[in-house]
């Protein structure tokens, strides 16, 4: 960063020296007319440089858009395939693994309810002790 500041400062000094030199050692005419002509030349030069830089930036943005389009479309297709695979896996697990577990848990709950009904719903005479430590 410091390097670019030094280079910019040197360029600014050189441009200032050129302007002063053209102003005092220029052709015939009043110094204000020469200053006007020099200003017009520099403004035109900076306008051309700005146009070239703007065209370069627009080109870089377009290149980036096309590059991202080429990368993102296959990525989205892969993501869609992965989501479909996950959905299928989820359905399989819910049908093959979770449904039997729920069925067994329901049967155990039924058995507990039947046992509670048959025994009169009595609770344990001694409450459970929690182990600490």
C-alpha atoms as a PDB file:
ATOM      1  CA  UNK A   1       0.000   0.000   0.000  1.00  0.00           C
ATOM      2  CA  UNK A   2       2.842   2.345   0.838  1.00  0.00           C
ATOM      3  CA  UNK A   3       4.486   1.495  -2.485  1.00  0.00           C
ATOM      4  CA  UNK A   4       1.401   2.590  -4.436  1.00  0.00           C
ATOM      5  CA  UNK A   5       1.155   5.824  -2.435  1.00  0.00           C
ATOM      6  CA  UNK A   6       4.762   6.671  -3.309  1.00  0.00           C
ATOM      7  CA  UNK A   7       4.191   5.889  -6.994  1.00  0.00           C
ATOM      8  CA  UNK A   8       1.008   8.013  -7.012  1.00  0.00           C
ATOM      9  CA  UNK A   9       2.845  10.889  -5.367  1.00  0.00           C
ATOM     10  CA  UNK A  10       5.650  10.735  -7.948  1.00  0.00           C
ATOM     11  CA  UNK A  11       3.133  10.719 -10.808  1.00  0.00           C
ATOM     12  CA  UNK A  12       1.300  13.702  -9.284  1.00  0.00           C
ATOM     13  CA  UNK A  13       4.560  15.674  -8.990  1.00  0.00           C
ATOM     14  CA  UNK A  14       5.521  14.847 -12.598  1.00  0.00           C
ATOM     15  CA  UNK A  15       2.093  15.943 -13.885  1.00  0.00           C
ATOM     16  CA  UNK A  16       2.315  19.165 -11.867  1.00  0.00           C
ATOM     17  CA  UNK A  17       5.790  19.900 -13.259  1.00  0.00           C
ATOM     18  CA  UNK A  18       4.542  19.268 -16.815  1.00  0.00           C
ATOM     19  CA  UNK A  19       1.574  21.610 -16.289  1.00  0.00           C
ATOM     20  CA  UNK A  20       3.788  24.366 -14.851  1.00  0.00           C
ATOM     21  CA  UNK A  21       6.320  23.896 -17.649  1.00  0.00           C
ATOM     22  CA  UNK A  22       3.660  24.094 -20.342  1.00  0.00           C
ATOM     23  CA  UNK A  23       2.091  27.090 -18.657  1.00  0.00           C
ATOM     24  CA  UNK A  24       5.278  29.192 -18.530  1.00  0.00           C
ATOM     25  CA  UNK A  25       7.155  27.954 -21.568  1.00  0.00           C
ATOM     26  CA  UNK A  26       4.190  27.349 -23.802  1.00  0.00           C
ATOM     27  CA  UNK A  27       3.406  29.141 -27.036  1.00  0.00           C
ATOM     28  CA  UNK A  28       1.963  32.589 -27.545  1.00  0.00           C
ATOM     29  CA  UNK A  29      -1.121  33.722 -25.719  1.00  0.00           C
ATOM     30  CA  UNK A  30      -2.124  34.621 -22.203  1.00  0.00           C
ATOM     31  CA  UNK A  31      -1.270  32.182 -19.403  1.00  0.00           C
ATOM     32  CA  UNK A  32      -4.964  31.638 -18.680  1.00  0.00           C
ATOM     33  CA  UNK A  33      -5.585  30.540 -22.276  1.00  0.00           C
ATOM     34  CA  UNK A  34      -2.704  28.100 -22.075  1.00  0.00           C
ATOM     35  CA  UNK A  35      -3.980  26.835 -18.720  1.00  0.00           C
ATOM     36  CA  UNK A  36      -7.423  26.347 -20.261  1.00  0.00           C
ATOM     37  CA  UNK A  37      -5.968  24.364 -23.178  1.00  0.00           C
ATOM     38  CA  UNK A  38      -3.846  22.215 -20.836  1.00  0.00           C
ATOM     39  CA  UNK A  39      -6.882  21.584 -18.611  1.00  0.00           C
ATOM     40  CA  UNK A  40      -8.956  20.492 -21.600  1.00  0.00           C
ATOM     41  CA  UNK A  41      -6.246  18.058 -22.663  1.00  0.00           C
ATOM     42  CA  UNK A  42      -5.954  16.549 -19.154  1.00  0.00           C
ATOM     43  CA  UNK A  43      -9.726  16.312 -18.686  1.00  0.00           C
ATOM     44  CA  UNK A  44     -10.016  14.512 -22.037  1.00  0.00           C
ATOM     45  CA  UNK A  45      -7.162  12.176 -21.094  1.00  0.00           C
ATOM     46  CA  UNK A  46      -8.768  11.309 -17.757  1.00  0.00           C
ATOM     47  CA  UNK A  47     -12.143  10.754 -19.452  1.00  0.00           C
ATOM     48  CA  UNK A  48     -10.560   8.277 -21.867  1.00  0.00           C
ATOM     49  CA  UNK A  49      -8.782   6.473 -19.002  1.00  0.00           C
ATOM     50  CA  UNK A  50     -12.015   6.319 -16.989  1.00  0.00           C
ATOM     51  CA  UNK A  51     -13.907   4.906 -19.982  1.00  0.00           C
ATOM     52  CA  UNK A  52     -11.265   2.221 -20.518  1.00  0.00           C
ATOM     53  CA  UNK A  53     -11.316   1.280 -16.806  1.00  0.00           C
ATOM     54  CA  UNK A  54     -15.123   1.159 -16.786  1.00  0.00           C
ATOM     55  CA  UNK A  55     -15.134  -1.124 -19.843  1.00  0.00           C
ATOM     56  CA  UNK A  56     -12.586  -3.384 -18.122  1.00  0.00           C
ATOM     57  CA  UNK A  57     -14.716  -3.568 -14.973  1.00  0.00           C
ATOM     58  CA  UNK A  58     -17.860  -4.379 -16.966  1.00  0.00           C
ATOM     59  CA  UNK A  59     -15.942  -7.100 -18.836  1.00  0.00           C
ATOM     60  CA  UNK A  60     -14.668  -8.580 -15.576  1.00  0.00           C
ATOM     61  CA  UNK A  61     -18.181  -8.613 -14.082  1.00  0.00           C
ATOM     62  CA  UNK A  62     -19.598 -10.301 -17.188  1.00  0.00           C
ATOM     63  CA  UNK A  63     -16.829 -12.908 -17.096  1.00  0.00           C
ATOM     64  CA  UNK A  64     -17.586 -13.556 -13.433  1.00  0.00           C
ATOM     65  CA  UNK A  65     -21.318 -13.929 -14.135  1.00  0.00           C
ATOM     66  CA  UNK A  66     -20.714 -16.459 -16.912  1.00  0.00           C
ATOM     67  CA  UNK A  67     -18.200 -18.348 -14.775  1.00  0.00           C
ATOM     68  CA  UNK A  68     -20.633 -18.527 -11.853  1.00  0.00           C
ATOM     69  CA  UNK A  69     -23.450 -19.629 -14.148  1.00  0.00           C
ATOM     70  CA  UNK A  70     -21.272 -22.463 -15.435  1.00  0.00           C
ATOM     71  CA  UNK A  71     -20.446 -23.533 -11.872  1.00  0.00           C
ATOM     72  CA  UNK A  72     -23.774 -22.938 -10.122  1.00  0.00           C
ATOM     73  CA  UNK A  73     -26.104 -24.809 -12.505  1.00  0.00           C
ATOM     74  CA  UNK A  74     -24.325 -28.192 -12.056  1.00  0.00           C
ATOM     75  CA  UNK A  75     -24.093 -27.512  -8.334  1.00  0.00           C
ATOM     76  CA  UNK A  76     -27.850 -26.940  -8.130  1.00  0.00           C
ATOM     77  CA  UNK A  77     -28.501 -30.143 -10.072  1.00  0.00           C
ATOM     78  CA  UNK A  78     -26.306 -32.079  -7.663  1.00  0.00           C
ATOM     79  CA  UNK A  79     -28.080 -30.443  -4.732  1.00  0.00           C
ATOM     80  CA  UNK A  80     -31.469 -31.462  -6.135  1.00  0.00           C
ATOM     81  CA  UNK A  81     -30.301 -35.061  -6.549  1.00  0.00           C
ATOM     82  CA  UNK A  82     -28.955 -35.082  -3.000  1.00  0.00           C
ATOM     83  CA  UNK A  83     -32.222 -33.704  -1.603  1.00  0.00           C
ATOM     84  CA  UNK A  84     -34.188 -36.407  -3.448  1.00  0.00           C
ATOM     85  CA  UNK A  85     -31.823 -39.075  -2.084  1.00  0.00           C
ATOM     86  CA  UNK A  86     -32.203 -37.748   1.468  1.00  0.00           C
ATOM     87  CA  UNK A  87     -35.975 -37.727   1.076  1.00  0.00           C
ATOM     88  CA  UNK A  88     -35.941 -41.351  -0.071  1.00  0.00           C
ATOM     89  CA  UNK A  89     -33.650 -42.347   2.775  1.00  0.00           C
ATOM     90  CA  UNK A  90     -35.892 -40.590   5.282  1.00  0.00           C
ATOM     91  CA  UNK A  91     -38.970 -42.370   3.961  1.00  0.00           C
ATOM     92  CA  UNK A  92     -37.171 -45.724   4.065  1.00  0.00           C
ATOM     93  CA  UNK A  93     -35.991 -45.209   7.629  1.00  0.00           C
ATOM     94  CA  UNK A  94     -39.422 -44.107   8.786  1.00  0.00           C
ATOM     95  CA  UNK A  95     -41.120 -47.089   7.149  1.00  0.00           C
ATOM     96  CA  UNK A  96     -38.558 -49.782   7.950  1.00  0.00           C
ATOM     97  CA  UNK A  97     -37.062 -48.724  11.269  1.00  0.00           C
ATOM     98  CA  UNK A  98     -39.259 -46.244  13.081  1.00  0.00           C
ATOM     99  CA  UNK A  99     -42.664 -47.793  12.331  1.00  0.00           C
ATOM    100  CA  UNK A 100     -41.793 -51.145  13.990  1.00  0.00           C
ATOM    101  CA  UNK A 101     -40.348 -49.355  17.008  1.00  0.00           C
ATOM    102  CA  UNK A 102     -43.517 -47.295  17.357  1.00  0.00           C
ATOM    103  CA  UNK A 103     -45.587 -50.452  16.994  1.00  0.00           C
ATOM    104  CA  UNK A 104     -43.578 -52.202  19.728  1.00  0.00           C
ATOM    105  CA  UNK A 105     -43.816 -49.154  21.988  1.00  0.00           C
ATOM    106  CA  UNK A 106     -47.590 -49.090  21.457  1.00  0.00           C
ATOM    107  CA  UNK A 107     -47.853 -52.791  22.303  1.00  0.00           C
ATOM    108  CA  UNK A 108     -45.799 -52.301  25.478  1.00  0.00           C
ATOM    109  CA  UNK A 109     -48.027 -49.384  26.484  1.00  0.00           C
ATOM    110  CA  UNK A 110     -51.107 -51.554  25.893  1.00  0.00           C
ATOM    111  CA  UNK A 111     -49.637 -54.340  28.025  1.00  0.00           C
ATOM    112  CA  UNK A 112     -48.849 -51.897  30.838  1.00  0.00           C
ATOM    113  CA  UNK A 113     -52.376 -50.535  30.695  1.00  0.00           C
ATOM    114  CA  UNK A 114     -53.840 -54.053  30.774  1.00  0.00           C
ATOM    115  CA  UNK A 115     -51.549 -55.010  33.681  1.00  0.00           C
ATOM    116  CA  UNK A 116     -52.491 -51.867  35.567  1.00  0.00           C
ATOM    117  CA  UNK A 117     -56.174 -52.562  34.995  1.00  0.00           C
ATOM    118  CA  UNK A 118     -55.910 -56.224  36.046  1.00  0.00           C
ATOM    119  CA  UNK A 119     -53.892 -55.500  39.201  1.00  0.00           C
ATOM    120  CA  UNK A 120     -56.144 -52.677  40.232  1.00  0.00           C
ATOM    121  CA  UNK A 121     -53.745 -49.895  39.378  1.00  0.00           C
ATOM    122  CA  UNK A 122     -51.755 -50.259  42.568  1.00  0.00           C
ATOM    123  CA  UNK A 123     -48.480 -48.472  42.785  1.00  0.00           C
ATOM    124  CA  UNK A 124     -45.298 -49.803  44.263  1.00  0.00           C
ATOM    125  CA  UNK A 125     -45.237 -49.799  47.990  1.00  0.00           C
ATOM    126  CA  UNK A 126     -41.610 -48.633  48.030  1.00  0.00           C
ATOM    127  CA  UNK A 127     -40.767 -45.649  45.849  1.00  0.00           C
ATOM    128  CA  UNK A 128     -37.713 -45.810  43.671  1.00  0.00           C
ATOM    129  CA  UNK A 129     -34.484 -44.455  45.030  1.00  0.00           C
ATOM    130  CA  UNK A 130     -32.266 -42.369  42.789  1.00  0.00           C
ATOM    131  CA  UNK A 131     -28.636 -43.163  42.811  1.00  0.00           C
ATOM    132  CA  UNK A 132     -26.349 -40.183  43.350  1.00  0.00           C
ATOM    133  CA  UNK A 133     -22.730 -40.014  42.423  1.00  0.00           C
END
